[in-house]
Structure formats: structure tokens, C-alpha cells
Amino acid sequence: MASTVGVIGLGIMGGAMASNLLKAGFKVVGYDVAPAARRAFARGGGTAARSNADVVRRAPIVITSLPSVAALAAVSAEIAKAKHKGLIVVETSTMPLEAKKAARDVVERSGATLLDCPLSGTGAQARTKDLLVYASGVRAAYRQCVPVFEGIARGHHYLGAFGNGSKMKYVANLLVAIHNVAAAEAMVLARKAGLDPAQTLKVIGDGAGTSRMFQVRGPMMVADDYSEATMKVEVWQKDMHIIGEYATKLGCPTPLFAASAPIYTAAIAEGFAKEDTGSVCAVLGAMAGLPRRSRKSRR
């Protein structure tokens, strides 16, 4: 078992994973382009590296949690340049499949292995280790990473050939997009009907109509406060674009997913870009003529 794990990208997800690895007894070395993220990581007991290459030199297994295709390409190039033969890179970001394959090809030319391992769960769930890892790629490398997966998640699934992890994540996120808007629509209907939002959350959450998104984002919908983002709307738009393009390429109809997309676009237009995707509840509430219960989250 690797005693040292590297983490590149110490944002909401990466920072939470690093924290849980520290709690699990790993030495964690990490890097992020944002100095504030590096400082927070160091305060939590991590070892802040000087660069991405520095992380690669110091850890046999490195987790990457990145915000964009450009970031993935840049980090992959740095990893390859470090020429750490035997290194395993656990790529957890949600990206187009073509970008993941390109990163794999670059990394593997240096003798390292890149696994495609997207995560199921929000930033809040990451903090409590309530994640699932959708792992795909070289099975032997996956087996070496099992202790690391157990340090960051409540479960992990090996899905076979490289890219199957991303494909499974697209399916999962399609459901998240729909269920999140469905939860918001239900909460708005409850308010419009004169029901108490907190009681609605409790009662519906205990019945057949609940969903994980209703449970996870229902509390912020009740509070009408989306400022503590577990998934920012502007980042979620990237994920939705990836899913939409992939489904179109396969010729697969996704009518409910397509119907949810304009609600997220409206959330950005109404100033919620950097707030949680639960803010679609505020969008639907405004459409229903309901007053905001809190102005705290508006920018």
C-alpha cells in the first residue's frame, strides 16, 4: 500500500479527498494553482508541493481533480515530463472522453498509467467520504489503488476498459440534472400550496417520492440559501454540455435532460453562476411568483 498519495487540484472535491486521505493515515502531498488552496491544505496537515511535477516526484499514486480540458492537458504534459515510471494517476474529473484518452496517451508515453475514475457525489458528500468511484482502465493499477479509494469514498466499482468510468458518470449526472430540478419543482409546488418547506423535506424525504438530490439539496432549498456551493452552476454547465454532446453522438434521446437544461441557464442569468445548483429552486420560485425567503445568497 502506498503510504504517500499526491493530489493535484485542491478545490472543493480535491481538497475534501486530500483531507480524508490524511484522516485515513496517508501522507498527502498536494498542489493547486491557487495559493489560498495550498495554504488551506497545509493548515489541514498536508504537505504543499512547489508544482505538479513536485507532486509526481514524491508520490507513487497521484489523484487529479481538475476544472477543465485545458487544465487536464497541461497537467498531463507536466506529469509526462516528470518521467516517473510506474506512477499511477487517478483522474477523477468529469471531462469529455476524448480529452481523457488524450491525457492517457500523453501520460503513458512516460511509463506511467492513467486510470479514468470519475466520482459520484457532491462536494458536501466528498467531505463526509460519501462518494463512489467509477474506476476504469488497467485492472492491476486499479487493484493497487483500492486502499486509496477506500480512503476517499464509501465505495468503488471497477467498470472495465478505460473510458467506462466516464460513461457511467455521464449516466449518473444525467439523473442528477433531472432529479435536482425535480426536487426544486416539488419544493416550489409545496410552497405555492402553503405547505411548510421544512416539513415537506421531512415528509417527502421519508416516502417513495424522495431522491438523493432531494435529500442532499433539499435543506438549502428550504433555507433558500445556495451560497455554500457543493457544485457551482457555472461548473455544472460544463458537465451538462459533455453529457449532451455524448448522447447526441450516440443518437440517444434525452428529453428530460434537455428539458432541465434551460433552468440551469436561467440560474446563471439570474446571478447564481458561482452558487450551488440547488439555486434552480429560486429560479422556479420566481417563475411561480414566490418571494425569496432569503436574500443572503443573491449576488
Protein backbone atom coordinates (compact mmCIF):
# COMPACT_ATOMS: atom_id res chain seq x y z
CA MET A 1 0.00 0.00 0.00
CA ALA A 2 1.30 3.44 -0.88
CA SER A 3 1.97 5.48 2.26
CA THR A 4 2.13 8.74 0.29
CA VAL A 5 -0.58 9.94 -2.08
CA GLY A 6 -0.42 13.02 -4.26
CA VAL A 7 -3.38 15.27 -5.05
CA ILE A 8 -3.28 17.75 -7.92
CA GLY A 9 -6.21 20.18 -7.72
CA LEU A 10 -7.20 21.13 -4.16
CA GLY A 11 -10.61 22.69 -4.85
CA ILE A 12 -13.92 21.54 -3.41
CA MET A 13 -13.52 17.89 -4.41
CA GLY A 14 -9.74 17.58 -4.39
CA GLY A 15 -9.42 19.35 -1.04
CA ALA A 16 -12.02 17.07 0.53
CA MET A 17 -10.31 13.95 -0.81
CA ALA A 18 -6.94 15.15 0.50
CA SER A 19 -8.44 15.77 3.93
CA ASN A 20 -9.97 12.30 4.09
CA LEU A 21 -6.74 10.66 2.98
CA LEU A 22 -4.95 12.45 5.82
CA LYS A 23 -7.57 11.15 8.26
CA ALA A 24 -7.05 7.65 6.86
CA GLY A 25 -3.36 7.82 7.77
CA PHE A 26 -1.79 8.63 4.42
CA LYS A 27 0.90 11.24 3.97
CA VAL A 28 -0.57 13.59 1.36
CA VAL A 29 1.40 15.92 -0.87
CA GLY A 30 -0.65 18.32 -2.96
CA TYR A 31 -0.58 21.23 -5.35
CA ASP A 32 -3.08 23.75 -6.69
CA VAL A 33 -2.54 26.81 -8.85
CA ALA A 34 -4.41 28.86 -6.23
CA PRO A 35 -2.16 29.87 -3.29
CA ALA A 36 -5.17 30.03 -0.94
CA ALA A 37 -5.99 26.38 -1.67
CA ARG A 38 -2.38 25.37 -0.97
CA ARG A 39 -2.40 27.26 2.31
CA ALA A 40 -5.68 25.67 3.42
CA PHE A 41 -4.30 22.24 2.53
CA ALA A 42 -1.14 22.86 4.56
CA ARG A 43 -3.16 24.09 7.55
CA GLY A 44 -5.06 20.79 7.43
CA GLY A 45 -1.88 18.76 7.77
CA GLY A 46 -0.95 18.23 4.11
CA THR A 47 2.42 18.84 2.51
CA ALA A 48 2.15 21.60 -0.08
CA ALA A 49 4.30 20.90 -3.14
CA ARG A 50 6.04 23.52 -5.27
CA SER A 51 4.49 22.32 -8.53
CA ASN A 52 2.59 19.49 -10.19
CA ALA A 53 5.91 17.88 -11.13
CA ASP A 54 6.96 18.06 -7.48
CA VAL A 55 3.84 16.08 -6.52
CA VAL A 56 4.62 13.42 -9.12
CA ARG A 57 8.20 13.02 -7.90
CA ARG A 58 7.06 12.46 -4.31
CA ALA A 59 4.09 10.09 -4.64
CA PRO A 60 3.57 6.72 -6.38
CA ILE A 61 -0.16 7.34 -6.75
CA VAL A 62 -1.48 10.78 -7.72
CA ILE A 63 -5.14 11.86 -7.79
CA THR A 64 -6.06 14.65 -10.21
CA SER A 65 -9.21 16.75 -9.73
CA LEU A 66 -9.27 19.41 -12.42
CA PRO A 67 -11.72 22.07 -13.69
CA SER A 68 -11.25 21.99 -17.46
CA VAL A 69 -9.95 20.18 -20.51
CA ALA A 70 -7.15 22.73 -20.77
CA ALA A 71 -6.10 22.05 -17.18
CA LEU A 72 -6.12 18.29 -17.80
CA ALA A 73 -3.96 18.67 -20.90
CA ALA A 74 -1.48 20.93 -19.10
CA VAL A 75 -1.21 18.70 -16.03
CA SER A 76 -0.85 15.56 -18.19
CA ALA A 77 2.04 17.16 -20.04
CA GLU A 78 3.76 18.05 -16.75
CA ILE A 79 3.26 14.52 -15.43
CA ALA A 80 4.73 13.03 -18.58
CA LYS A 81 7.70 15.38 -18.45
CA ALA A 82 8.47 14.21 -14.90
CA LYS A 83 9.02 10.66 -16.31
CA HIS A 84 8.02 8.79 -13.16
CA LYS A 85 7.91 5.19 -14.41
CA GLY A 86 5.37 3.09 -12.52
CA LEU A 87 3.36 6.11 -11.41
CA ILE A 88 -0.42 5.64 -11.27
CA VAL A 89 -2.57 8.70 -11.99
CA VAL A 90 -6.17 8.51 -10.78
CA GLU A 91 -8.04 11.03 -12.94
CA THR A 92 -11.31 11.91 -11.16
CA SER A 93 -12.55 14.90 -13.18
CA THR A 94 -15.64 14.87 -15.38
CA MET A 95 -14.35 15.51 -18.90
CA PRO A 96 -15.15 14.56 -22.50
CA LEU A 97 -13.98 11.04 -23.25
CA GLU A 98 -11.67 12.28 -26.00
CA ALA A 99 -9.86 14.53 -23.50
CA LYS A 100 -9.40 11.64 -21.06
CA LYS A 101 -8.00 9.40 -23.80
CA ALA A 102 -5.62 12.12 -24.95
CA ALA A 103 -4.39 12.57 -21.36
CA ARG A 104 -3.91 8.81 -21.01
CA ASP A 105 -1.83 8.65 -24.19
CA VAL A 106 0.42 11.51 -23.05
CA VAL A 107 0.91 10.13 -19.54
CA GLU A 108 1.55 6.55 -20.65
CA ARG A 109 4.32 7.57 -23.01
CA SER A 110 6.36 8.35 -19.87
CA GLY A 111 5.85 4.87 -18.39
CA ALA A 112 3.03 5.90 -16.05
CA THR A 113 -0.57 4.63 -16.02
CA LEU A 114 -3.65 6.83 -16.06
CA LEU A 115 -6.97 5.48 -14.77
CA ASP A 116 -10.31 7.04 -15.67
CA CYS A 117 -12.05 7.35 -12.29
CA PRO A 118 -14.85 9.95 -12.10
CA LEU A 119 -16.64 10.39 -8.79
CA SER A 120 -20.31 10.22 -7.92
CA GLY A 121 -21.18 12.77 -5.25
CA THR A 122 -21.18 16.46 -4.39
CA GLY A 123 -18.55 18.48 -2.59
CA ALA A 124 -20.52 18.12 0.64
CA GLN A 125 -20.61 14.37 0.16
CA ALA A 126 -16.88 14.35 -0.56
CA ARG A 127 -16.23 15.95 2.83
CA THR A 128 -18.03 13.09 4.59
CA LYS A 129 -16.49 10.42 2.31
CA ASP A 130 -19.91 9.75 0.79
CA LEU A 131 -18.55 9.22 -2.72
CA LEU A 132 -18.48 6.40 -5.24
CA VAL A 133 -15.51 5.87 -7.55
CA TYR A 134 -16.29 4.76 -11.11
CA ALA A 135 -12.93 3.22 -11.99
CA SER A 136 -11.82 2.07 -15.42
CA GLY A 137 -8.54 1.23 -17.10
CA VAL A 138 -5.71 -1.18 -16.28
CA ARG A 139 -7.06 -3.65 -13.71
CA ALA A 140 -3.71 -4.20 -11.99
CA ALA A 141 -3.35 -0.44 -11.42
CA TYR A 142 -6.91 -0.28 -10.09
CA ARG A 143 -6.09 -3.01 -7.55
CA GLN A 144 -3.09 -1.04 -6.30
CA CYS A 145 -5.35 1.97 -5.75
CA VAL A 146 -8.03 0.18 -3.71
CA PRO A 147 -6.67 1.39 -0.31
CA VAL A 148 -6.67 4.95 -1.69
CA PHE A 149 -10.25 4.58 -2.93
CA GLU A 150 -11.25 3.32 0.50
CA GLY A 151 -9.69 6.45 1.97
CA ILE A 152 -11.76 8.84 -0.15
CA ALA A 153 -15.05 7.04 -0.81
CA ARG A 154 -17.67 4.73 0.68
CA GLY A 155 -17.47 2.50 -2.37
CA HIS A 156 -15.73 1.88 -5.66
CA HIS A 157 -16.60 -0.06 -8.80
CA TYR A 158 -14.24 -1.44 -11.42
CA LEU A 159 -16.00 -0.97 -14.77
CA GLY A 160 -13.51 -2.45 -17.20
CA ALA A 161 -11.95 -0.75 -20.21
CA PHE A 162 -10.63 2.80 -19.95
CA GLY A 163 -13.45 5.28 -20.51
CA ASN A 164 -16.23 3.20 -18.98
CA GLY A 165 -15.85 5.22 -15.79
CA SER A 166 -16.65 8.42 -17.67
CA LYS A 167 -19.54 6.80 -19.50
CA MET A 168 -21.05 5.70 -16.18
CA LYS A 169 -20.55 9.20 -14.79
CA TYR A 170 -22.47 10.68 -17.73
CA VAL A 171 -25.38 8.37 -16.91
CA ALA A 172 -25.20 9.34 -13.22
CA ASN A 173 -25.01 13.07 -13.94
CA LEU A 174 -27.92 12.89 -16.36
CA LEU A 175 -30.01 11.64 -13.43
CA VAL A 176 -28.57 14.27 -11.08
CA ALA A 177 -29.51 17.06 -13.51
CA ILE A 178 -33.10 15.83 -13.75
CA HIS A 179 -33.54 14.93 -10.08
CA ASN A 180 -32.16 18.28 -8.91
CA VAL A 181 -34.70 20.22 -10.99
CA ALA A 182 -37.43 17.76 -9.96
CA ALA A 183 -36.62 18.35 -6.29
CA ALA A 184 -36.76 22.12 -6.84
CA GLU A 185 -40.05 21.85 -8.71
CA ALA A 186 -41.55 19.82 -5.86
CA MET A 187 -40.39 22.31 -3.22
CA VAL A 188 -41.82 25.22 -5.19
CA LEU A 189 -45.15 23.41 -5.54
CA ALA A 190 -45.18 22.76 -1.79
CA ARG A 191 -44.58 26.45 -1.05
CA LYS A 192 -47.17 27.55 -3.58
CA ALA A 193 -49.65 25.18 -1.89
CA GLY A 194 -48.95 26.74 1.50
CA LEU A 195 -47.02 23.81 2.94
CA ASP A 196 -44.11 24.33 5.31
CA PRO A 197 -40.85 23.69 3.37
CA ALA A 198 -39.05 22.08 6.31
CA GLN A 199 -41.93 19.74 6.98
CA THR A 200 -42.16 18.94 3.27
CA LEU A 201 -38.49 17.97 3.25
CA LYS A 202 -39.02 15.66 6.22
CA VAL A 203 -42.23 14.04 5.00
CA ILE A 204 -41.33 13.62 1.31
CA GLY A 205 -37.82 12.55 2.24
CA ASP A 206 -39.36 9.61 4.12
CA GLY A 207 -41.54 8.42 1.26
CA ALA A 208 -41.44 6.91 -2.21
CA GLY A 209 -41.06 10.27 -3.93
CA THR A 210 -37.66 11.09 -2.48
CA SER A 211 -34.32 11.10 -4.31
CA ARG A 212 -30.71 11.58 -3.31
CA MET A 213 -30.82 15.09 -4.74
CA PHE A 214 -33.95 15.87 -2.73
CA GLN A 215 -32.08 14.77 0.40
CA VAL A 216 -28.78 16.49 -0.44
CA ARG A 217 -30.10 19.79 -1.82
CA GLY A 218 -33.48 19.92 -0.09
CA PRO A 219 -32.03 21.61 3.04
CA MET A 220 -30.57 24.52 1.05
CA MET A 221 -33.87 24.84 -0.85
CA VAL A 222 -35.67 25.07 2.49
CA ALA A 223 -33.19 27.72 3.69
CA ASP A 224 -33.30 29.45 0.27
CA ASP A 225 -29.52 29.86 0.56
CA TYR A 226 -27.21 28.48 -2.11
CA SER A 227 -24.02 30.32 -1.20
CA GLU A 228 -22.23 27.22 0.18
CA ALA A 229 -21.79 25.60 -3.21
CA THR A 230 -21.19 21.86 -3.41
CA MET A 231 -21.38 22.18 -7.21
CA LYS A 232 -21.31 25.63 -8.78
CA VAL A 233 -23.82 26.24 -11.56
CA GLU A 234 -21.10 27.51 -13.91
CA VAL A 235 -19.12 24.28 -13.44
CA TRP A 236 -22.24 22.15 -13.79
CA GLN A 237 -22.91 23.72 -17.19
CA LYS A 238 -19.64 22.17 -18.38
CA ASP A 239 -20.79 18.72 -17.24
CA MET A 240 -24.18 19.12 -18.90
CA HIS A 241 -22.55 20.12 -22.18
CA ILE A 242 -20.38 16.99 -22.08
CA ILE A 243 -23.38 14.71 -21.45
CA GLY A 244 -25.49 16.37 -24.14
CA GLU A 245 -22.75 16.06 -26.75
CA TYR A 246 -22.08 12.43 -25.88
CA ALA A 247 -25.76 11.46 -26.07
CA THR A 248 -26.10 13.25 -29.40
CA LYS A 249 -23.06 11.40 -30.76
CA LEU A 250 -24.71 8.10 -29.80
CA GLY A 251 -28.05 9.15 -31.26
CA CYS A 252 -29.67 8.66 -27.86
CA PRO A 253 -32.75 10.78 -27.00
CA THR A 254 -32.62 12.52 -23.59
CA PRO A 255 -35.84 14.59 -23.44
CA LEU A 256 -35.98 15.07 -19.67
CA PHE A 257 -32.31 16.04 -19.51
CA ALA A 258 -32.88 18.52 -22.35
CA ALA A 259 -35.89 19.98 -20.54
CA SER A 260 -33.81 20.62 -17.41
CA ALA A 261 -31.03 22.50 -19.22
CA PRO A 262 -32.79 25.89 -19.62
CA ILE A 263 -33.42 26.06 -15.86
CA TYR A 264 -29.68 25.92 -15.17
CA THR A 265 -29.04 28.51 -17.87
CA ALA A 266 -31.62 30.76 -16.22
CA ALA A 267 -29.85 30.33 -12.87
CA ILE A 268 -26.69 31.78 -14.41
CA ALA A 269 -28.64 34.63 -15.97
CA GLU A 270 -30.13 35.45 -12.56
CA GLY A 271 -26.75 35.69 -10.83
CA PHE A 272 -26.29 32.21 -9.38
CA ALA A 273 -23.28 31.17 -11.52
CA LYS A 274 -20.97 30.73 -8.54
CA GLU A 275 -23.63 29.32 -6.23
CA ASP A 276 -24.94 25.80 -5.83
CA THR A 277 -27.05 24.13 -8.49
CA GLY A 278 -29.81 23.89 -5.90
CA SER A 279 -30.45 27.52 -6.89
CA VAL A 280 -32.70 26.23 -9.67
CA CYS A 281 -35.29 26.24 -6.87
CA ALA A 282 -35.02 30.04 -6.68
CA VAL A 283 -35.41 30.23 -10.47
CA LEU A 284 -38.59 28.14 -10.43
CA GLY A 285 -39.83 30.01 -7.37
CA ALA A 286 -39.51 33.31 -9.21
CA MET A 287 -41.38 31.83 -12.18
CA ALA A 288 -44.15 30.83 -9.76
CA GLY A 289 -44.33 34.35 -8.33
CA LEU A 290 -42.96 33.37 -4.93
CA PRO A 291 -40.85 35.89 -2.97
CA ARG A 292 -37.33 34.93 -1.99
CA ARG A 293 -37.28 33.62 1.57
CA SER A 294 -33.68 34.82 1.92
CA ARG A 295 -31.61 37.38 0.06
CA LYS A 296 -28.40 36.05 1.56
CA SER A 297 -27.38 34.06 -1.49
CA ARG A 298 -28.07 36.68 -4.16
CA ARG A 299 -25.09 38.49 -5.62
